[in-house]
PDB file of all heavy atoms in Angstrom:
ATOM      1  N   LEU A   1      64.833 -92.207  42.361  1.00  0.00           N
ATOM      2  CA  LEU A   1      65.643 -92.896  43.387  1.00  0.00           C
ATOM      3  C   LEU A   1      67.063 -93.311  42.853  1.00  0.00           C
ATOM      4  O   LEU A   1      68.151 -93.278  43.448  1.00  0.00           O
ATOM      5  CB  LEU A   1      64.971 -94.205  43.885  1.00  0.00           C
ATOM      6  CG  LEU A   1      63.722 -93.960  44.657  1.00  0.00           C
ATOM      7  CD1 LEU A   1      63.092 -95.303  45.020  1.00  0.00           C
ATOM      8  CD2 LEU A   1      64.121 -93.209  45.892  1.00  0.00           C
ATOM      9  N   PHE A   2      67.140 -93.637  41.513  1.00  0.00           N
ATOM     10  CA  PHE A   2      68.371 -93.912  40.891  1.00  0.00           C
ATOM     11  C   PHE A   2      68.563 -93.167  39.521  1.00  0.00           C
ATOM     12  O   PHE A   2      67.571 -92.845  38.930  1.00  0.00           O
ATOM     13  CB  PHE A   2      68.427 -95.425  40.414  1.00  0.00           C
ATOM     14  CG  PHE A   2      68.147 -96.335  41.588  1.00  0.00           C
ATOM     15  CD1 PHE A   2      66.999 -96.899  41.793  1.00  0.00           C
ATOM     16  CD2 PHE A   2      69.239 -96.720  42.474  1.00  0.00           C
ATOM     17  CE1 PHE A   2      66.671 -97.771  42.890  1.00  0.00           C
ATOM     18  CE2 PHE A   2      68.924 -97.548  43.517  1.00  0.00           C
ATOM     19  CZ  PHE A   2      67.750 -98.128  43.753  1.00  0.00           C
ATOM     20  N   PRO A   3      69.747 -92.735  39.196  1.00  0.00           N
ATOM     21  CA  PRO A   3      69.980 -91.884  37.983  1.00  0.00           C
ATOM     22  C   PRO A   3      69.568 -92.658  36.820  1.00  0.00           C
ATOM     23  O   PRO A   3      69.729 -93.870  36.694  1.00  0.00           O
ATOM     24  CB  PRO A   3      71.398 -91.646  37.973  1.00  0.00           C
ATOM     25  CG  PRO A   3      71.956 -91.861  39.354  1.00  0.00           C
ATOM     26  CD  PRO A   3      71.003 -92.906  39.972  1.00  0.00           C
ATOM     27  N   GLN A   4      68.858 -92.039  35.769  1.00  0.00           N
ATOM     28  CA  GLN A   4      68.517 -92.578  34.587  1.00  0.00           C
ATOM     29  C   GLN A   4      69.796 -93.183  33.781  1.00  0.00           C
ATOM     30  O   GLN A   4      69.807 -94.253  33.373  1.00  0.00           O
ATOM     31  CB  GLN A   4      67.784 -91.685  33.665  1.00  0.00           C
ATOM     32  CG  GLN A   4      67.313 -92.345  32.287  1.00  0.00           C
ATOM     33  CD  GLN A   4      66.310 -93.332  32.497  1.00  0.00           C
ATOM     34  OE1 GLN A   4      65.409 -93.126  33.364  1.00  0.00           O
ATOM     35  NE2 GLN A   4      66.339 -94.390  31.711  1.00  0.00           N
ATOM     36  N   LYS A   5      70.871 -92.312  33.928  1.00  0.00           N
ATOM     37  CA  LYS A   5      72.127 -92.771  33.257  1.00  0.00           C
ATOM     38  C   LYS A   5      72.926 -93.246  34.460  1.00  0.00           C
ATOM     39  O   LYS A   5      73.617 -92.572  35.083  1.00  0.00           O
ATOM     40  CB  LYS A   5      72.845 -91.446  32.685  1.00  0.00           C
ATOM     41  CG  LYS A   5      74.161 -91.846  31.916  1.00  0.00           C
ATOM     42  CD  LYS A   5      74.769 -90.586  31.317  1.00  0.00           C
ATOM     43  CE  LYS A   5      76.075 -90.844  30.566  1.00  0.00           C
ATOM     44  NZ  LYS A   5      76.669 -89.670  30.132  1.00  0.00           N
ATOM     45  N   SER A   6      72.708 -94.617  34.608  1.00  0.00           N
ATOM     46  CA  SER A   6      73.387 -95.268  35.751  1.00  0.00           C
ATOM     47  C   SER A   6      74.796 -95.571  35.398  1.00  0.00           C
ATOM     48  O   SER A   6      75.260 -95.587  34.308  1.00  0.00           O
ATOM     49  CB  SER A   6      72.642 -96.487  36.287  1.00  0.00           C
ATOM     50  OG  SER A   6      71.414 -96.203  36.801  1.00  0.00           O
ATOM     51  N   SER A   7      75.601 -95.909  36.395  1.00  0.00           N
ATOM     52  CA  SER A   7      77.012 -96.240  36.166  1.00  0.00           C
ATOM     53  C   SER A   7      77.496 -97.495  36.995  1.00  0.00           C
ATOM     54  O   SER A   7      76.651 -97.940  37.951  1.00  0.00           O
ATOM     55  CB  SER A   7      77.988 -94.966  36.778  1.00  0.00           C
ATOM     56  OG  SER A   7      77.708 -94.892  38.182  1.00  0.00           O
ATOM     57  N   ILE A   8      78.458 -98.153  36.510  1.00  0.00           N
ATOM     58  CA  ILE A   8      78.985 -99.336  37.103  1.00  0.00           C
ATOM     59  C   ILE A   8      80.461 -99.336  36.843  1.00  0.00           C
ATOM     60  O   ILE A   8      80.978 -98.898  35.815  1.00  0.00           O
ATOM     61  CB  ILE A   8      78.221-100.554  36.516  1.00  0.00           C
ATOM     62  CG1 ILE A   8      78.847-101.889  37.208  1.00  0.00           C
ATOM     63  CG2 ILE A   8      78.586-100.623  35.003  1.00  0.00           C
ATOM     64  CD1 ILE A   8      78.041-103.132  36.766  1.00  0.00           C
ATOM     65  N   HIS A   9      81.212 -99.831  37.893  1.00  0.00           N
ATOM     66  CA  HIS A   9      82.594 -99.722  37.851  1.00  0.00           C
ATOM     67  C   HIS A   9      83.100-100.939  36.945  1.00  0.00           C
ATOM     68  O   HIS A   9      82.483-102.076  36.890  1.00  0.00           O
ATOM     69  CB  HIS A   9      83.209-100.084  39.349  1.00  0.00           C
ATOM     70  CG  HIS A   9      84.677 -99.605  39.404  1.00  0.00           C
ATOM     71  ND1 HIS A   9      85.756-100.360  38.881  1.00  0.00           N
ATOM     72  CD2 HIS A   9      85.192 -98.442  39.891  1.00  0.00           C
ATOM     73  CE1 HIS A   9      86.884 -99.751  39.110  1.00  0.00           C
ATOM     74  NE2 HIS A   9      86.655 -98.579  39.750  1.00  0.00           N
ATOM     75  N   VAL A  10      84.133-100.667  36.034  1.00  0.00           N
ATOM     76  CA  VAL A  10      84.560-101.638  35.169  1.00  0.00           C
ATOM     77  C   VAL A  10      85.022-102.898  35.785  1.00  0.00           C
ATOM     78  O   VAL A  10      84.748-103.919  35.200  1.00  0.00           O
ATOM     79  CB  VAL A  10      85.899-101.049  34.417  1.00  0.00           C
ATOM     80  CG1 VAL A  10      86.488-102.042  33.510  1.00  0.00           C
ATOM     81  CG2 VAL A  10      85.296 -99.786  33.547  1.00  0.00           C
ATOM     82  N   SER A  11      85.445-102.863  37.022  1.00  0.00           N
ATOM     83  CA  SER A  11      85.886-104.024  37.689  1.00  0.00           C
ATOM     84  C   SER A  11      84.761-105.013  37.970  1.00  0.00           C
ATOM     85  O   SER A  11      84.927-106.216  38.221  1.00  0.00           O
ATOM     86  CB  SER A  11      86.618-103.754  39.022  1.00  0.00           C
ATOM     87  OG  SER A  11      85.689-103.093  39.890  1.00  0.00           O
ATOM     88  N   LYS A  12      83.516-104.496  37.878  1.00  0.00           N
ATOM     89  CA  LYS A  12      82.395-105.390  38.199  1.00  0.00           C
ATOM     90  C   LYS A  12      81.763-105.932  36.856  1.00  0.00           C
ATOM     91  O   LYS A  12      80.799-106.743  36.931  1.00  0.00           O
ATOM     92  CB  LYS A  12      81.319-104.605  38.872  1.00  0.00           C
ATOM     93  CG  LYS A  12      81.656-104.146  40.308  1.00  0.00           C
ATOM     94  CD  LYS A  12      80.617-103.419  40.873  1.00  0.00           C
ATOM     95  CE  LYS A  12      80.925-102.955  42.331  1.00  0.00           C
ATOM     96  NZ  LYS A  12      79.900-102.096  43.029  1.00  0.00           N
ATOM     97  N   LEU A  13      82.322-105.573  35.722  1.00  0.00           N
ATOM     98  CA  LEU A  13      81.785-106.105  34.421  1.00  0.00           C
ATOM     99  C   LEU A  13      82.349-107.561  34.191  1.00  0.00           C
ATOM    100  O   LEU A  13      83.242-108.003  34.892  1.00  0.00           O
ATOM    101  CB  LEU A  13      82.251-105.152  33.339  1.00  0.00           C
ATOM    102  CG  LEU A  13      81.638-103.689  33.440  1.00  0.00           C
ATOM    103  CD1 LEU A  13      82.229-102.905  32.310  1.00  0.00           C
ATOM    104  CD2 LEU A  13      80.034-103.686  33.363  1.00  0.00           C
ATOM    105  N   GLU A  14      81.727-108.161  33.127  1.00  0.00           N
ATOM    106  CA  GLU A  14      82.184-109.405  32.746  1.00  0.00           C
ATOM    107  C   GLU A  14      83.666-109.408  32.312  1.00  0.00           C
ATOM    108  O   GLU A  14      84.129-108.444  31.764  1.00  0.00           O
ATOM    109  CB  GLU A  14      81.293-109.939  31.567  1.00  0.00           C
ATOM    110  CG  GLU A  14      79.919-110.008  31.885  1.00  0.00           C
ATOM    111  CD  GLU A  14      79.078-108.929  31.519  1.00  0.00           C
ATOM    112  OE1 GLU A  14      79.574-107.635  31.876  1.00  0.00           O
ATOM    113  OE2 GLU A  14      77.909-108.937  31.174  1.00  0.00           O
ATOM    114  N   PRO A  15      84.456-110.437  32.576  1.00  0.00           N
ATOM    115  CA  PRO A  15      85.837-110.511  32.341  1.00  0.00           C
ATOM    116  C   PRO A  15      86.172-110.112  30.854  1.00  0.00           C
ATOM    117  O   PRO A  15      87.075-109.332  30.526  1.00  0.00           O
ATOM    118  CB  PRO A  15      86.315-111.830  32.648  1.00  0.00           C
ATOM    119  CG  PRO A  15      85.263-112.353  33.657  1.00  0.00           C
ATOM    120  CD  PRO A  15      83.981-111.614  33.255  1.00  0.00           C
ATOM    121  N   GLU A  16      85.388-110.642  29.836  1.00  0.00           N
ATOM    122  CA  GLU A  16      85.653-110.304  28.485  1.00  0.00           C
ATOM    123  C   GLU A  16      85.504-108.828  28.249  1.00  0.00           C
ATOM    124  O   GLU A  16      86.369-108.214  27.496  1.00  0.00           O
ATOM    125  CB  GLU A  16      84.813-111.103  27.518  1.00  0.00           C
ATOM    126  CG  GLU A  16      84.963-112.628  27.830  1.00  0.00           C
ATOM    127  CD  GLU A  16      84.120-113.249  28.928  1.00  0.00           C
ATOM    128  OE1 GLU A  16      83.372-112.448  29.570  1.00  0.00           O
ATOM    129  OE2 GLU A  16      84.161-114.476  29.219  1.00  0.00           O
ATOM    130  N   LEU A  17      84.384-108.260  28.634  1.00  0.00           N
ATOM    131  CA  LEU A  17      84.197-106.967  28.317  1.00  0.00           C
ATOM    132  C   LEU A  17      85.165-106.019  29.121  1.00  0.00           C
ATOM    133  O   LEU A  17      85.614-104.977  28.504  1.00  0.00           O
ATOM    134  CB  LEU A  17      82.679-106.435  28.870  1.00  0.00           C
ATOM    135  CG  LEU A  17      82.330-105.035  28.631  1.00  0.00           C
ATOM    136  CD1 LEU A  17      82.422-104.607  27.143  1.00  0.00           C
ATOM    137  CD2 LEU A  17      80.861-104.829  29.181  1.00  0.00           C
ATOM    138  N   ARG A  18      85.511-106.405  30.353  1.00  0.00           N
ATOM    139  CA  ARG A  18      86.471-105.697  31.056  1.00  0.00           C
ATOM    140  C   ARG A  18      87.853-105.636  30.421  1.00  0.00           C
ATOM    141  O   ARG A  18      88.496-104.584  30.238  1.00  0.00           O
ATOM    142  CB  ARG A  18      86.727-106.404  32.372  1.00  0.00           C
ATOM    143  CG  ARG A  18      87.524-105.547  33.427  1.00  0.00           C
ATOM    144  CD  ARG A  18      87.290-106.004  34.882  1.00  0.00           C
ATOM    145  NE  ARG A  18      87.734-107.344  35.057  1.00  0.00           N
ATOM    146  CZ  ARG A  18      87.055-108.420  35.505  1.00  0.00           C
ATOM    147  NH1 ARG A  18      85.742-108.196  35.835  1.00  0.00           N
ATOM    148  NH2 ARG A  18      87.458-109.600  35.608  1.00  0.00           N
ATOM    149  N   ALA A  19      88.227-106.735  29.794  1.00  0.00           N
ATOM    150  CA  ALA A  19      89.514-106.819  28.979  1.00  0.00           C
ATOM    151  C   ALA A  19      89.425-105.904  27.825  1.00  0.00           C
ATOM    152  O   ALA A  19      90.406-105.239  27.324  1.00  0.00           O
ATOM    153  CB  ALA A  19      89.772-108.244  28.635  1.00  0.00           C
ATOM    154  N   GLN A  20      88.232-105.985  27.162  1.00  0.00           N
ATOM    155  CA  GLN A  20      88.106-105.230  25.983  1.00  0.00           C
ATOM    156  C   GLN A  20      88.129-103.747  26.168  1.00  0.00           C
ATOM    157  O   GLN A  20      88.735-102.967  25.432  1.00  0.00           O
ATOM    158  CB  GLN A  20      86.653-105.561  25.308  1.00  0.00           C
ATOM    159  CG  GLN A  20      86.311-104.797  24.072  1.00  0.00           C
ATOM    160  CD  GLN A  20      85.008-105.279  23.580  1.00  0.00           C
ATOM    161  OE1 GLN A  20      84.527-106.363  23.709  1.00  0.00           O
ATOM    162  NE2 GLN A  20      84.197-104.183  23.085  1.00  0.00           N
ATOM    163  N   ILE A  21      87.543-103.284  27.208  1.00  0.00           N
ATOM    164  CA  ILE A  21      87.583-101.866  27.606  1.00  0.00           C
ATOM    165  C   ILE A  21      89.036-101.398  28.062  1.00  0.00           C
ATOM    166  O   ILE A  21      89.439-100.376  27.543  1.00  0.00           O
ATOM    167  CB  ILE A  21      86.583-101.626  28.776  1.00  0.00           C
ATOM    168  CG1 ILE A  21      85.230-101.732  28.244  1.00  0.00           C
ATOM    169  CG2 ILE A  21      86.854-100.263  29.346  1.00  0.00           C
ATOM    170  CD1 ILE A  21      84.145-101.656  29.294  1.00  0.00           C
ATOM    171  N   HIS A  22      89.699-102.177  28.745  1.00  0.00           N
ATOM    172  CA  HIS A  22      91.021-101.910  29.180  1.00  0.00           C
ATOM    173  C   HIS A  22      92.025-101.876  28.013  1.00  0.00           C
ATOM    174  O   HIS A  22      92.924-101.021  27.925  1.00  0.00           O
ATOM    175  CB  HIS A  22      91.553-102.914  30.247  1.00  0.00           C
ATOM    176  CG  HIS A  22      91.071-102.703  31.489  1.00  0.00           C
ATOM    177  ND1 HIS A  22      90.954-103.610  32.461  1.00  0.00           N
ATOM    178  CD2 HIS A  22      90.638-101.559  32.141  1.00  0.00           C
ATOM    179  CE1 HIS A  22      90.468-103.140  33.668  1.00  0.00           C
ATOM    180  NE2 HIS A  22      90.249-101.897  33.443  1.00  0.00           N
ATOM    181  N   GLU A  23      91.712-102.652  26.981  1.00  0.00           N
ATOM    182  CA  GLU A  23      92.461-102.676  25.727  1.00  0.00           C
ATOM    183  C   GLU A  23      92.307-101.359  25.021  1.00  0.00           C
ATOM    184  O   GLU A  23      93.161-100.766  24.435  1.00  0.00           O
ATOM    185  CB  GLU A  23      92.306-103.875  24.799  1.00  0.00           C
ATOM    186  CG  GLU A  23      93.048-103.985  23.676  1.00  0.00           C
ATOM    187  CD  GLU A  23      92.739-105.363  22.864  1.00  0.00           C
ATOM    188  OE1 GLU A  23      92.137-106.261  23.418  1.00  0.00           O
ATOM    189  OE2 GLU A  23      93.082-105.312  21.635  1.00  0.00           O
ATOM    190  N   GLN A  24      91.023-100.894  24.906  1.00  0.00           N
ATOM    191  CA  GLN A  24      90.685 -99.748  24.185  1.00  0.00           C
ATOM    192  C   GLN A  24      91.188 -98.613  24.925  1.00  0.00           C
ATOM    193  O   GLN A  24      91.660 -97.652  24.220  1.00  0.00           O
ATOM    194  CB  GLN A  24      89.185 -99.707  23.923  1.00  0.00           C
ATOM    195  CG  GLN A  24      88.565-100.843  23.034  1.00  0.00           C
ATOM    196  CD  GLN A  24      87.029-100.707  23.049  1.00  0.00           C
ATOM    197  OE1 GLN A  24      86.500 -99.770  23.624  1.00  0.00           O
ATOM    198  NE2 GLN A  24      86.393-101.569  22.292  1.00  0.00           N
ATOM    199  N   ASN A  25      90.908 -98.556  26.184  1.00  0.00           N
ATOM    200  CA  ASN A  25      91.236 -97.283  27.018  1.00  0.00           C
ATOM    201  C   ASN A  25      91.568 -97.669  28.466  1.00  0.00           C
ATOM    202  O   ASN A  25      90.488 -97.791  29.238  1.00  0.00           O
ATOM    203  CB  ASN A  25      90.168 -96.259  26.906  1.00  0.00           C
ATOM    204  CG  ASN A  25      90.638 -94.874  27.501  1.00  0.00           C
ATOM    205  OD1 ASN A  25      91.479 -94.832  28.226  1.00  0.00           O
ATOM    206  ND2 ASN A  25      90.050 -93.899  27.023  1.00  0.00           N
ATOM    207  N   PRO A  26      92.747 -97.944  28.927  1.00  0.00           N
ATOM    208  CA  PRO A  26      93.091 -98.438  30.122  1.00  0.00           C
ATOM    209  C   PRO A  26      92.654 -97.471  31.292  1.00  0.00           C
ATOM    210  O   PRO A  26      92.502 -97.911  32.420  1.00  0.00           O
ATOM    211  CB  PRO A  26      94.577 -98.518  30.105  1.00  0.00           C
ATOM    212  CG  PRO A  26      94.952 -98.651  28.714  1.00  0.00           C
ATOM    213  CD  PRO A  26      93.964 -97.796  28.059  1.00  0.00           C
ATOM    214  N   SER A  27      92.451 -96.186  30.960  1.00  0.00           N
ATOM    215  CA  SER A  27      92.102 -95.237  31.994  1.00  0.00           C
ATOM    216  C   SER A  27      90.664 -95.099  32.440  1.00  0.00           C
ATOM    217  O   SER A  27      90.342 -94.551  33.318  1.00  0.00           O
ATOM    218  CB  SER A  27      92.531 -93.821  31.486  1.00  0.00           C
ATOM    219  OG  SER A  27      91.625 -93.408  30.389  1.00  0.00           O
ATOM    220  N   ILE A  28      89.770 -95.932  31.626  1.00  0.00           N
ATOM    221  CA  ILE A  28      88.374 -95.856  31.996  1.00  0.00           C
ATOM    222  C   ILE A  28      88.133 -96.792  33.204  1.00  0.00           C
ATOM    223  O   ILE A  28      88.500 -98.043  33.202  1.00  0.00           O
ATOM    224  CB  ILE A  28      87.651 -96.395  30.820  1.00  0.00           C
ATOM    225  CG1 ILE A  28      87.677 -95.486  29.582  1.00  0.00           C
ATOM    226  CG2 ILE A  28      86.070 -96.597  31.248  1.00  0.00           C
ATOM    227  CD1 ILE A  28      86.809 -95.829  28.378  1.00  0.00           C
ATOM    228  N   GLU A  29      87.593 -96.210  34.199  1.00  0.00           N
ATOM    229  CA  GLU A  29      87.223 -97.112  35.483  1.00  0.00           C
ATOM    230  C   GLU A  29      85.726 -97.153  35.656  1.00  0.00           C
ATOM    231  O   GLU A  29      85.380 -98.133  36.380  1.00  0.00           O
ATOM    232  CB  GLU A  29      87.867 -96.201  36.695  1.00  0.00           C
ATOM    233  CG  GLU A  29      89.336 -96.220  36.572  1.00  0.00           C
ATOM    234  CD  GLU A  29      89.913 -95.612  37.962  1.00  0.00           C
ATOM    235  OE1 GLU A  29      89.120 -95.093  38.776  1.00  0.00           O
ATOM    236  OE2 GLU A  29      91.192 -95.497  38.067  1.00  0.00           O
ATOM    237  N   VAL A  30      84.916 -96.265  35.018  1.00  0.00           N
ATOM    238  CA  VAL A  30      83.413 -96.345  35.149  1.00  0.00           C
ATOM    239  C   VAL A  30      82.835 -96.302  33.821  1.00  0.00           C
ATOM    240  O   VAL A  30      83.278 -95.489  32.988  1.00  0.00           O
ATOM    241  CB  VAL A  30      82.973 -95.136  36.193  1.00  0.00           C
ATOM    242  CG1 VAL A  30      81.422 -95.182  36.202  1.00  0.00           C
ATOM    243  CG2 VAL A  30      83.591 -95.273  37.600  1.00  0.00           C
ATOM    244  N   VAL A  31      81.791 -97.070  33.564  1.00  0.00           N
ATOM    245  CA  VAL A  31      81.052 -96.963  32.338  1.00  0.00           C
ATOM    246  C   VAL A  31      79.689 -96.832  32.768  1.00  0.00           C
ATOM    247  O   VAL A  31      79.183 -96.819  33.960  1.00  0.00           O
ATOM    248  CB  VAL A  31      81.158 -98.337  31.636  1.00  0.00           C
ATOM    249  CG1 VAL A  31      82.590 -98.541  31.129  1.00  0.00           C
ATOM    250  CG2 VAL A  31      80.662 -99.484  32.394  1.00  0.00           C
ATOM    251  N   TYR A  32      78.906 -96.313  31.752  1.00  0.00           N
ATOM    252  CA  TYR A  32      77.437 -95.794  31.896  1.00  0.00           C
ATOM    253  C   TYR A  32      76.474 -96.514  31.045  1.00  0.00           C
ATOM    254  O   TYR A  32      76.794 -97.099  29.989  1.00  0.00           O
ATOM    255  CB  TYR A  32      77.388 -94.287  31.639  1.00  0.00           C
ATOM    256  CG  TYR A  32      78.397 -93.379  32.522  1.00  0.00           C
ATOM    257  CD1 TYR A  32      79.642 -93.302  32.100  1.00  0.00           C
ATOM    258  CD2 TYR A  32      77.983 -93.006  33.807  1.00  0.00           C
ATOM    259  CE1 TYR A  32      80.615 -92.543  32.961  1.00  0.00           C
ATOM    260  CE2 TYR A  32      78.921 -92.238  34.526  1.00  0.00           C
ATOM    261  CZ  TYR A  32      80.147 -92.012  34.111  1.00  0.00           C
ATOM    262  OH  TYR A  32      81.065 -91.371  34.947  1.00  0.00           O
TER     263      TYR A  32
END
């Protein structure tokens, strides 16, 4: 019913992690 390798939009992540990801790679919009 759901992919084993699921995805979530960066905007829905915790603020700290979201900031960390944007700092590493601003182009990333979806993580797995």
